[in-house]
């Protein structure tokens, strides 16, 4: 039982760590795609989703 809790804690830490590292990764300089009108998947948690955002 203790090993299961330890493995779960390790997996959660790895997930949080990779999420934070990915979040702070800068966009490549040659990426010039305009995502302001992106309607591809309508995922409201996507960083490119701008439908509900006021300007």
Protein backbone atom coordinates (compact mmCIF):
# COMPACT_ATOMS: atom_id res chain seq x y z
CA UNK A 1 0.00 0.00 0.00
CA UNK A 2 2.81 2.39 0.86
CA UNK A 3 4.51 1.70 -2.49
CA UNK A 4 1.33 2.57 -4.36
CA UNK A 5 1.13 5.93 -2.62
CA UNK A 6 4.80 6.64 -3.33
CA UNK A 7 4.38 5.75 -7.03
CA UNK A 8 1.29 7.92 -7.25
CA UNK A 9 3.14 10.86 -5.68
CA UNK A 10 6.05 10.38 -8.10
CA UNK A 11 3.70 10.31 -11.10
CA UNK A 12 1.92 13.47 -9.92
CA UNK A 13 5.26 15.26 -9.47
CA UNK A 14 6.45 14.20 -12.93
CA UNK A 15 3.17 15.39 -14.47
CA UNK A 16 3.31 18.77 -12.73
CA UNK A 17 6.99 19.19 -13.60
CA UNK A 18 6.54 18.43 -17.29
CA UNK A 19 3.46 20.66 -17.43
CA UNK A 20 5.37 23.60 -15.96
CA UNK A 21 8.38 23.05 -18.21
CA UNK A 22 6.14 22.90 -21.27
CA UNK A 23 4.20 25.98 -20.18
CA UNK A 24 7.38 28.08 -19.98
CA UNK A 25 8.78 26.91 -23.32
CA UNK A 26 8.99 29.82 -25.73
CA UNK A 27 7.46 29.71 -29.18
CA UNK A 28 9.99 29.28 -32.00
CA UNK A 29 10.91 32.49 -33.83
CA UNK A 30 9.86 31.11 -37.21
CA UNK A 31 6.34 30.30 -35.99
CA UNK A 32 4.15 33.05 -37.44
CA UNK A 33 0.80 31.32 -37.32
CA UNK A 34 -2.07 33.59 -36.21
CA UNK A 35 -4.29 31.71 -33.77
CA UNK A 36 -6.68 34.59 -32.97
CA UNK A 37 -9.42 33.06 -35.11
CA UNK A 38 -8.70 29.44 -34.27
CA UNK A 39 -11.90 27.39 -34.23
CA UNK A 40 -10.22 24.02 -34.76
CA UNK A 41 -11.27 22.06 -31.70
CA UNK A 42 -13.18 24.59 -29.54
CA UNK A 43 -11.22 23.45 -26.49
CA UNK A 44 -11.75 26.30 -24.01
CA UNK A 45 -8.65 25.34 -22.00
CA UNK A 46 -6.40 25.70 -25.05
CA UNK A 47 -4.02 28.64 -24.98
CA UNK A 48 -5.01 29.56 -28.53
CA UNK A 49 -8.78 29.66 -27.91
CA UNK A 50 -9.85 33.31 -28.13
CA UNK A 51 -13.62 33.12 -28.75
CA UNK A 52 -14.71 34.22 -25.29
CA UNK A 53 -11.88 36.69 -24.79
CA UNK A 54 -12.67 40.42 -24.89
CA UNK A 55 -10.23 42.79 -26.53
